[in-house]
Amino acid sequence: QVQLVESGGGLVQAGGSLRLSCAASRSIRSINTMGWHRQAPGKQRELVAAITSGGSTNYADSVKGRFTISRDNAKTTVYLQMNSLKPEDTAVYYCNIVENRLGGRYNYWGQGTQITVSS
């Protein structure tokens, strides 16, 4: 079973920056996408950013121009660089890797890391 370990969360002032990392415990043979989701109190989990195996990226409108997703060449670690943070970015951020499997896809999730942006 693959474990995803996140790091880099914490408390930051509005306008500041943070970088999240998510490392998989082993390589995943067939990755569909790697991404980050977030969930704020009382809200549904939402996609923040994703990167496909081919390198295409997708961002939530609310973070475009501020957040950048990237990964290492081995595709075992995914990063989220967050700049110009706003209080509304406060949430628990979850790493997600979608694996292609015979007959479907499988989602791996990290344990979540808290990001708090103070005004």
Protein backbone atom coordinates (compact mmCIF):
# COMPACT_ATOMS: atom_id res chain seq x y z
CA GLN A 1 0.00 0.00 0.00
CA VAL A 2 1.33 3.43 -0.93
CA GLN A 3 1.50 6.06 1.80
CA LEU A 4 1.50 9.76 0.98
CA VAL A 5 3.31 11.98 3.47
CA GLU A 6 2.69 15.70 3.36
CA SER A 7 4.81 18.46 4.81
CA GLY A 8 5.09 22.22 4.72
CA GLY A 9 1.87 23.37 6.30
CA GLY A 10 1.57 25.99 8.98
CA LEU A 11 0.58 29.52 9.88
CA VAL A 12 1.40 32.43 7.62
CA GLN A 13 0.34 36.04 7.30
CA ALA A 14 -1.70 37.20 4.35
CA GLY A 15 0.55 37.91 1.41
CA GLY A 16 3.06 35.31 2.49
CA SER A 17 4.17 32.09 0.85
CA LEU A 18 4.31 28.41 1.71
CA ARG A 19 5.45 25.32 -0.14
CA LEU A 20 3.76 21.98 0.38
CA SER A 21 5.41 18.68 -0.42
CA CYS A 22 3.88 15.23 -0.75
CA ALA A 23 6.08 12.18 -1.01
CA ALA A 24 4.86 8.73 -1.96
CA SER A 25 6.36 5.82 -0.04
CA ARG A 26 7.13 4.02 -3.29
CA SER A 27 6.85 4.69 -6.98
CA ILE A 28 3.46 4.23 -8.62
CA ARG A 29 3.58 2.46 -11.92
CA SER A 30 0.84 4.23 -13.82
CA ILE A 31 -0.08 7.66 -12.57
CA ASN A 32 -3.08 9.44 -14.00
CA THR A 33 -2.78 12.68 -12.04
CA MET A 34 -1.09 14.11 -8.95
CA GLY A 35 -2.80 16.93 -7.17
CA TRP A 36 -3.82 18.93 -4.16
CA HIS A 37 -7.28 19.39 -2.74
CA ARG A 38 -8.40 21.45 0.23
CA GLN A 39 -11.25 21.51 2.67
CA ALA A 40 -12.21 24.52 4.74
CA PRO A 41 -14.47 24.21 7.80
CA GLY A 42 -18.07 23.71 6.77
CA LYS A 43 -17.20 23.38 3.10
CA GLN A 44 -16.77 20.53 0.66
CA ARG A 45 -13.35 19.35 -0.39
CA GLU A 46 -12.29 21.07 -3.60
CA LEU A 47 -9.58 20.61 -6.17
CA VAL A 48 -6.82 23.20 -5.88
CA ALA A 49 -4.37 22.05 -8.52
CA ALA A 50 -3.49 18.94 -10.48
CA ILE A 51 -0.79 17.78 -12.87
CA THR A 52 -1.20 14.94 -15.33
CA SER A 53 1.36 12.31 -16.19
CA GLY A 54 2.04 14.30 -19.34
CA GLY A 55 2.71 17.47 -17.38
CA SER A 56 -0.48 19.38 -18.08
CA THR A 57 -1.70 21.43 -15.14
CA ASN A 58 -5.10 22.53 -13.93
CA TYR A 59 -5.91 25.08 -11.25
CA ALA A 60 -8.97 26.27 -9.39
CA ASP A 61 -9.90 29.76 -10.54
CA SER A 62 -9.37 31.07 -7.02
CA VAL A 63 -5.67 30.17 -7.02
CA LYS A 64 -4.67 30.81 -10.63
CA GLY A 65 -1.63 33.03 -10.83
CA ARG A 66 -0.79 32.47 -7.17
CA PHE A 67 -0.23 28.72 -6.80
CA THR A 68 2.06 26.48 -8.84
CA ILE A 69 2.00 22.69 -8.86
CA SER A 70 5.05 20.69 -9.85
CA ARG A 71 6.51 17.24 -9.39
CA ASP A 72 9.88 15.51 -9.41
CA ASN A 73 11.04 13.52 -12.42
CA ALA A 74 10.52 10.23 -10.63
CA LYS A 75 6.89 11.22 -10.08
CA THR A 76 7.06 10.26 -6.44
CA THR A 77 6.82 13.77 -5.01
CA VAL A 78 4.39 16.54 -5.82
CA TYR A 79 4.75 20.13 -4.68
CA LEU A 80 2.46 23.11 -4.30
CA GLN A 81 4.06 26.53 -4.19
CA MET A 82 1.59 28.98 -2.72
CA ASN A 83 2.25 32.71 -3.05
CA SER A 84 0.20 35.76 -2.15
CA LEU A 85 -1.78 33.74 0.34
CA LYS A 86 -5.16 35.01 1.45
CA PRO A 87 -7.21 34.27 4.56
CA GLU A 88 -9.68 32.41 2.34
CA ASP A 89 -6.93 29.93 1.51
CA THR A 90 -7.15 28.67 5.07
CA ALA A 91 -8.01 24.97 4.95
CA VAL A 92 -6.68 21.47 5.37
CA TYR A 93 -4.76 20.59 2.23
CA TYR A 94 -4.72 17.00 0.99
CA CYS A 95 -2.34 15.43 -1.46
CA ASN A 96 -3.92 13.08 -4.00
CA ILE A 97 -2.46 10.65 -6.51
CA VAL A 98 -4.71 8.88 -8.98
CA GLU A 99 -3.39 5.57 -10.25
CA ASN A 100 -4.55 3.89 -13.43
CA ARG A 101 -5.49 0.30 -12.74
CA LEU A 102 -6.99 -2.41 -14.87
CA GLY A 103 -10.69 -1.65 -14.95
CA GLY A 104 -10.50 1.75 -13.33
CA ARG A 105 -8.62 4.24 -11.22
CA TYR A 106 -7.53 4.25 -7.60
CA ASN A 107 -7.12 7.30 -5.36
CA TYR A 108 -4.38 7.66 -2.79
CA TRP A 109 -4.75 10.44 -0.21
CA GLY A 110 -2.42 12.07 2.22
CA GLN A 111 -3.35 12.67 5.83
CA GLY A 112 -3.85 16.39 5.31
CA THR A 113 -1.89 19.40 6.45
CA GLN A 114 -3.36 22.57 7.95
CA ILE A 115 -2.74 25.91 6.30
CA THR A 116 -3.85 28.96 8.27
CA VAL A 117 -3.55 32.40 6.73
CA SER A 118 -3.99 35.27 9.15
CA SER A 119 -5.18 38.69 8.06
